[in-house]
Protein backbone atom coordinates (compact mmCIF):
# COMPACT_ATOMS: atom_id res chain seq x y z
CA MET A 1 -102.59 -261.62 -75.75
CA SER A 2 -99.31 -263.51 -76.15
CA ARG A 3 -97.66 -264.42 -79.43
CA LYS A 4 -94.17 -265.60 -80.32
CA LYS A 5 -93.45 -262.84 -82.85
CA ILE A 6 -95.17 -259.78 -84.33
CA GLU A 7 -94.18 -258.40 -87.72
CA THR A 8 -94.71 -254.63 -87.61
CA THR A 9 -93.97 -253.80 -91.27
CA THR A 10 -97.61 -254.21 -92.32
CA LEU A 11 -98.76 -252.09 -89.39
CA GLU A 12 -96.37 -249.28 -90.27
CA LYS A 13 -97.48 -249.30 -93.90
CA PHE A 14 -101.12 -249.01 -92.82
CA PHE A 15 -100.36 -246.07 -90.52
CA PHE A 16 -98.36 -244.32 -93.29
CA ASP A 17 -101.14 -244.86 -95.84
CA LEU A 18 -103.82 -243.65 -93.42
CA GLN A 19 -101.81 -240.55 -92.56
CA ASP A 20 -101.43 -239.74 -96.27
CA SER A 21 -105.13 -240.35 -96.93
CA ILE A 22 -106.38 -238.16 -94.07
CA CYS A 23 -104.06 -235.30 -95.04
CA LYS A 24 -105.13 -235.55 -98.68
CA GLU A 25 -108.84 -235.55 -97.82
CA THR A 26 -108.40 -232.66 -95.37
CA ASN A 27 -106.60 -230.57 -97.99
CA LYS A 28 -109.65 -230.77 -100.23
CA GLN A 29 -111.12 -228.16 -97.83
CA GLU A 30 -108.12 -226.73 -95.97
CA LYS A 31 -106.12 -224.51 -98.34
CA LYS A 32 -102.83 -224.64 -96.48
CA PRO A 33 -100.75 -227.79 -97.11
CA PHE A 34 -99.47 -229.86 -94.22
CA PHE A 35 -95.90 -229.17 -93.14
CA LYS A 36 -93.93 -232.44 -93.24
CA ASP A 37 -91.41 -233.31 -90.56
CA ASN A 38 -89.74 -236.73 -90.59
CA TRP A 39 -87.84 -237.17 -87.37
CA ASN A 40 -85.60 -239.59 -85.48
CA LYS A 41 -85.01 -239.63 -81.74
CA PRO A 42 -81.43 -238.53 -80.85
CA SER A 43 -79.10 -241.44 -80.16
CA GLY A 44 -78.60 -240.42 -76.52
CA ASP A 45 -82.29 -240.40 -75.61
CA LYS A 46 -83.68 -243.18 -73.43
CA LEU A 47 -86.56 -243.62 -75.90
CA LYS A 48 -85.52 -244.64 -79.41
CA GLY A 49 -87.50 -244.46 -82.61
CA HIS A 50 -88.75 -242.34 -85.47
CA GLY A 51 -91.88 -240.68 -86.78
CA ARG A 52 -93.62 -238.61 -89.44
CA THR A 53 -95.33 -235.41 -88.33
CA ARG A 54 -97.83 -233.66 -90.60
CA ILE A 55 -99.04 -230.35 -89.21
CA ILE A 56 -100.95 -227.21 -90.19
CA GLU A 57 -100.79 -223.99 -88.20
CA ASP A 58 -102.74 -220.81 -89.01
CA GLY A 59 -104.53 -222.49 -91.89
CA SER A 60 -107.66 -221.36 -93.70
CA LEU A 61 -109.85 -223.72 -91.62
CA PHE A 62 -107.63 -224.91 -88.78
CA GLU A 63 -105.63 -222.94 -86.23
CA ARG A 64 -103.75 -226.18 -85.71
CA GLY A 65 -104.17 -229.60 -87.22
CA GLY A 66 -101.74 -232.44 -86.72
CA VAL A 67 -101.63 -236.01 -88.01
CA ASN A 68 -98.67 -237.73 -86.37
CA TYR A 69 -97.14 -241.16 -86.77
CA SER A 70 -94.56 -242.50 -84.33
CA HIS A 71 -92.77 -245.81 -83.77
CA VAL A 72 -90.76 -245.89 -80.56
CA PHE A 73 -88.80 -248.39 -78.46
CA GLY A 74 -88.04 -248.27 -74.74
CA GLU A 75 -86.16 -250.39 -72.24
CA LYS A 76 -88.83 -250.22 -69.55
CA LEU A 77 -92.57 -249.61 -69.67
CA PRO A 78 -93.44 -246.44 -67.70
CA PRO A 79 -95.84 -246.54 -64.72
CA SER A 80 -98.77 -245.25 -66.82
CA ALA A 81 -98.58 -248.41 -68.96
CA THR A 82 -98.18 -250.93 -66.14
CA LYS A 83 -100.80 -249.51 -63.77
CA ILE A 84 -103.42 -251.98 -65.03
CA ARG A 85 -100.82 -254.52 -66.21
CA PRO A 86 -98.44 -254.92 -63.24
CA GLU A 87 -97.13 -258.21 -64.63
CA LEU A 88 -95.42 -256.22 -67.40
CA GLU A 89 -93.42 -254.02 -65.05
CA GLY A 90 -89.81 -253.77 -66.18
CA LYS A 91 -90.47 -255.14 -69.68
CA SER A 92 -88.98 -253.50 -72.74
CA PHE A 93 -91.57 -252.26 -75.18
CA GLU A 94 -92.40 -251.10 -78.68
CA ALA A 95 -95.23 -248.68 -79.47
CA MET A 96 -96.51 -247.38 -82.78
CA GLY A 97 -99.55 -245.52 -83.92
CA LEU A 98 -101.26 -242.56 -85.50
CA SER A 99 -102.57 -239.66 -83.44
CA LEU A 100 -104.42 -236.63 -84.76
CA VAL A 101 -106.20 -233.54 -83.56
CA PHE A 102 -107.82 -230.67 -85.45
CA HIS A 103 -108.48 -227.33 -83.72
CA PRO A 104 -110.63 -225.22 -86.08
CA GLN A 105 -110.64 -221.49 -86.69
CA ASN A 106 -114.44 -221.36 -86.83
CA PRO A 107 -116.04 -222.03 -83.41
CA TYR A 108 -118.99 -223.70 -85.13
CA ILE A 109 -116.67 -226.48 -86.32
CA PRO A 110 -115.92 -228.95 -83.50
CA THR A 111 -112.47 -230.04 -82.45
CA VAL A 112 -111.77 -233.69 -83.17
CA HIS A 113 -109.27 -236.24 -81.89
CA MET A 114 -108.36 -239.71 -83.07
CA ASN A 115 -105.70 -242.13 -81.93
CA ILE A 116 -105.03 -245.72 -82.97
CA ARG A 117 -102.03 -247.51 -81.56
CA PHE A 118 -100.28 -250.85 -81.15
CA PHE A 119 -98.15 -251.94 -78.20
CA ILE A 120 -95.73 -254.82 -77.75
CA ALA A 121 -94.18 -255.79 -74.41
CA HIS A 122 -91.12 -257.88 -75.19
CA PRO A 123 -90.16 -261.03 -73.29
CA SER A 124 -87.39 -260.97 -70.73
CA GLY A 125 -86.57 -264.66 -71.24
CA ASN A 126 -86.19 -266.95 -74.26
CA ASP A 127 -89.28 -269.00 -73.43
CA GLU A 128 -91.67 -266.06 -73.10
CA SER A 129 -93.92 -264.73 -75.84
CA VAL A 130 -94.45 -261.08 -76.64
CA VAL A 131 -97.59 -259.49 -75.19
CA TRP A 132 -99.44 -257.22 -77.60
CA TRP A 133 -102.55 -255.09 -77.68
CA PHE A 134 -104.32 -252.38 -79.67
CA GLY A 135 -105.93 -249.22 -78.35
CA GLY A 136 -107.45 -245.98 -79.50
CA GLY A 137 -110.66 -244.34 -80.58
CA MET A 138 -112.00 -240.99 -81.70
CA ASP A 139 -114.09 -238.28 -80.09
CA LEU A 140 -115.76 -234.98 -80.97
CA THR A 141 -115.57 -231.75 -78.94
CA PRO A 142 -118.01 -229.08 -80.15
CA TYR A 143 -118.26 -225.52 -78.88
CA TYR A 144 -121.73 -224.97 -80.29
CA ILE A 145 -123.98 -227.99 -80.36
CA TYR A 146 -125.56 -229.35 -83.52
CA GLU A 147 -127.26 -232.60 -82.68
CA GLU A 148 -127.13 -233.83 -86.28
CA ASP A 149 -123.32 -233.55 -86.23
CA ALA A 150 -123.03 -235.66 -83.09
CA LYS A 151 -125.42 -238.26 -84.50
CA HIS A 152 -123.49 -238.45 -87.77
CA PHE A 153 -120.17 -238.88 -85.96
CA HIS A 154 -121.51 -241.63 -83.71
CA LYS A 155 -123.20 -243.43 -86.60
CA CYS A 156 -119.88 -243.57 -88.47
CA CYS A 157 -118.23 -245.05 -85.37
CA LYS A 158 -120.95 -247.66 -85.06
CA ASP A 159 -120.84 -248.54 -88.77
CA ALA A 160 -117.08 -249.16 -88.51
CA LEU A 161 -117.47 -251.49 -85.53
CA ASP A 162 -120.65 -253.44 -86.29
CA PRO A 163 -118.98 -255.93 -88.69
CA PHE A 164 -116.81 -257.11 -85.79
CA SER A 165 -119.45 -257.17 -83.05
CA ARG A 166 -122.79 -255.46 -82.56
CA GLU A 167 -121.73 -254.91 -78.93
CA TYR A 168 -118.52 -252.99 -79.62
CA TYR A 169 -120.05 -249.59 -80.35
CA LYS A 170 -122.10 -249.66 -77.14
CA ASN A 171 -119.12 -250.84 -75.08
CA PHE A 172 -116.57 -248.51 -76.65
CA LYS A 173 -118.95 -245.55 -76.40
CA LYS A 174 -119.34 -246.23 -72.68
CA ASN A 175 -115.55 -246.40 -72.36
CA CYS A 176 -115.29 -243.05 -74.14
CA ASP A 177 -117.92 -241.40 -71.94
CA GLU A 178 -116.05 -242.57 -68.85
CA TYR A 179 -112.56 -241.79 -70.13
CA PHE A 180 -113.16 -238.26 -71.46
CA TYR A 181 -114.77 -237.05 -68.24
CA LEU A 182 -113.27 -234.21 -66.24
CA LYS A 183 -113.89 -235.22 -62.64
CA HIS A 184 -112.87 -231.83 -61.25
CA ARG A 185 -115.41 -230.12 -63.55
CA ALA A 186 -118.09 -232.81 -63.32
CA GLU A 187 -118.61 -232.68 -67.07
CA SER A 188 -117.66 -234.51 -70.26
CA ARG A 189 -115.01 -233.01 -72.53
CA GLY A 190 -117.36 -233.14 -75.50
CA VAL A 191 -120.00 -235.39 -77.05
CA GLY A 192 -117.83 -238.50 -77.01
CA GLY A 193 -117.30 -241.17 -79.60
CA ILE A 194 -115.48 -244.46 -79.00
CA PHE A 195 -112.51 -245.51 -76.90
CA PHE A 196 -110.83 -248.87 -76.30
CA ASP A 197 -107.57 -250.10 -74.81
CA ASP A 198 -105.77 -253.38 -74.09
CA PHE A 199 -107.68 -254.92 -76.99
CA SER A 200 -106.62 -258.31 -78.34
CA GLU A 201 -109.72 -260.52 -77.94
CA LEU A 202 -110.24 -261.07 -81.68
CA GLY A 203 -106.70 -262.34 -82.25
CA PHE A 204 -104.11 -260.31 -84.13
CA GLU A 205 -105.53 -260.36 -87.67
CA LYS A 206 -109.14 -259.52 -86.77
CA SER A 207 -108.12 -256.99 -84.12
CA PHE A 208 -105.92 -255.26 -86.70
CA ALA A 209 -108.81 -255.34 -89.20
CA MET A 210 -111.03 -253.59 -86.66
CA VAL A 211 -108.42 -250.90 -86.08
CA ARG A 212 -108.10 -250.39 -89.83
CA ALA A 213 -111.87 -249.96 -90.10
CA ILE A 214 -111.87 -247.33 -87.35
CA GLY A 215 -109.00 -245.40 -88.91
CA ARG A 216 -110.52 -245.45 -92.37
CA SER A 217 -113.86 -244.20 -91.05
CA PHE A 218 -112.37 -240.97 -89.69
CA SER A 219 -112.54 -238.75 -92.79
CA GLY A 220 -116.16 -239.66 -93.44
CA ALA A 221 -117.06 -239.07 -89.80
CA TYR A 222 -115.49 -235.60 -89.45
CA LEU A 223 -114.93 -233.84 -92.76
CA PRO A 224 -118.63 -233.63 -93.75
CA ILE A 225 -119.19 -231.76 -90.45
CA VAL A 226 -116.42 -229.34 -91.38
CA LYS A 227 -118.05 -228.76 -94.77
CA ARG A 228 -121.44 -228.04 -93.17
CA ARG A 229 -120.12 -225.53 -90.61
CA LYS A 230 -117.15 -223.79 -92.23
CA THR A 231 -119.17 -220.97 -93.85
CA LEU A 232 -121.12 -220.01 -90.71
CA LEU A 233 -120.35 -216.45 -89.62
CA PHE A 234 -118.88 -215.83 -86.17
CA GLY A 235 -117.56 -212.96 -84.12
CA GLU A 236 -115.49 -212.23 -81.03
CA ARG A 237 -118.17 -213.63 -78.70
CA GLU A 238 -117.96 -217.06 -80.34
CA LYS A 239 -114.13 -216.98 -80.45
CA ASN A 240 -113.95 -216.09 -76.76
CA PHE A 241 -116.24 -218.98 -75.86
CA GLN A 242 -114.22 -221.34 -78.05
CA ARG A 243 -111.00 -220.29 -76.30
CA TYR A 244 -112.65 -220.71 -72.90
CA ARG A 245 -113.90 -224.22 -73.70
CA ARG A 246 -110.49 -225.14 -75.07
CA GLY A 247 -109.27 -224.76 -71.52
CA ARG A 248 -111.12 -227.98 -70.72
CA TYR A 249 -109.15 -229.69 -73.50
CA VAL A 250 -105.87 -228.58 -71.96
CA GLU A 251 -106.97 -229.60 -68.46
CA PHE A 252 -107.93 -233.08 -69.59
CA ASN A 253 -104.78 -233.71 -71.62
CA LEU A 254 -102.40 -232.61 -68.88
CA VAL A 255 -104.23 -234.15 -65.94
CA TYR A 256 -105.87 -237.34 -67.22
CA ASP A 257 -104.82 -238.35 -70.73
CA ARG A 258 -102.92 -241.65 -70.74
CA GLY A 259 -101.15 -240.92 -74.01
CA THR A 260 -99.80 -237.57 -72.83
CA ILE A 261 -98.72 -239.01 -69.49
CA PHE A 262 -97.13 -242.06 -71.19
CA GLY A 263 -95.19 -239.81 -73.56
CA LEU A 264 -93.89 -237.58 -70.78
CA GLN A 265 -92.97 -240.51 -68.51
CA SER A 266 -91.23 -242.49 -71.25
CA GLY A 267 -89.16 -239.62 -72.64
CA GLY A 268 -91.22 -239.09 -75.78
CA ARG A 269 -90.77 -236.33 -78.33
CA ILE A 270 -92.24 -233.22 -76.69
CA GLU A 271 -93.21 -231.46 -79.93
CA SER A 272 -95.27 -234.49 -80.92
CA ILE A 273 -96.82 -234.98 -77.49
CA LEU A 274 -97.94 -231.36 -77.15
CA MET A 275 -99.14 -231.11 -80.75
CA SER A 276 -102.61 -231.86 -79.39
CA MET A 277 -102.77 -228.60 -77.45
CA PRO A 278 -104.95 -225.79 -78.85
CA PRO A 279 -102.89 -222.76 -79.90
CA SER A 280 -105.03 -220.12 -78.16
CA VAL A 281 -106.84 -220.70 -74.86
CA ASN A 282 -108.22 -218.66 -71.98
CA TRP A 283 -109.69 -219.24 -68.56
CA LYS A 284 -112.34 -217.08 -66.93
CA TYR A 285 -113.17 -216.92 -63.26
CA ASN A 286 -116.53 -218.54 -62.44
CA PHE A 287 -117.89 -218.21 -65.97
CA ILE A 288 -121.62 -218.90 -66.25
CA PRO A 289 -123.19 -218.77 -69.74
CA LYS A 290 -126.21 -216.56 -70.22
CA LYS A 291 -129.50 -218.37 -69.67
CA GLY A 292 -131.09 -219.44 -72.95
CA SER A 293 -127.94 -218.73 -74.96
CA PRO A 294 -126.30 -221.06 -77.51
CA GLU A 295 -123.37 -221.29 -75.10
CA GLU A 296 -125.62 -222.54 -72.31
CA LYS A 297 -127.13 -225.14 -74.66
CA LEU A 298 -123.77 -226.89 -74.96
CA TYR A 299 -123.69 -227.67 -71.23
CA LYS A 300 -126.91 -229.67 -71.49
CA PHE A 301 -125.01 -232.20 -73.63
CA LEU A 302 -121.79 -232.48 -71.61
CA LYS A 303 -122.92 -235.81 -70.20
CA PRO A 304 -123.45 -239.27 -71.72
CA VAL A 305 -126.12 -239.14 -74.43
CA ASN A 306 -127.46 -242.05 -76.49
CA TRP A 307 -127.00 -240.18 -79.76
CA LEU A 308 -128.30 -242.94 -81.98
CA GLU A 309 -131.50 -243.28 -79.97
CA THR A 310 -132.46 -239.59 -79.69
């Protein structure tokens, strides 16, 4: 959607506040505090901007957990951003948002990802308006399936979206099922959630309100699952399967993920881009889980499931 001017101060304050809130709520269970890294892009880089990284490594609950804010400026939108918007080719741009991922120690706790972002394509002439849109979503990637966890996560997504349209959860869930699908594996990355992009149909204020609702729903969607699963005992078998399944996470992020590709193409900050990667991963040749095992059970759910109707 076009608009003469966008004031980003309110957006940045929301992203800062949400980052602080999620870190605070997470540290009610995770004993290790988040490391804080406020950064600025070097003056010679083609991409300008700044950010606030909050990260845990080798924590009591998380091998790695990152909650990252960035606000960057570029002279030319990269190909990944103009593929479905060719009319914006060559435009300067501004992008800001919050991206997080938590990779747990305990294989019975699922990995989670959330991203909410705002883009502006700036006019090339005095008479043009800026073009803006929101995007993002959140999704859950379990290693051992607990149907009640997936249902809880999806219900929280739906509850956040319903005040804006009763159709959004259904539509955004479908987007998520299609987006987080590994074509070369013919399977979903996890049990999904919601995903949206190029969103501006509600106008700026209501679209921003929807994004705020999604962001603020995250802690209630994920942290109760962590609390339920963190005391479950596990051994080397479960850790090996977790590391194997994490390989799918790496494959998706490096082959398909728009955010990763955008960051690499635009000259983004590599430490922030690759924060989403799990710290320990393995691949096995032609691995087939044992019939009737908890590991095999996961594969029955690596496809679109109507979690709120099961």
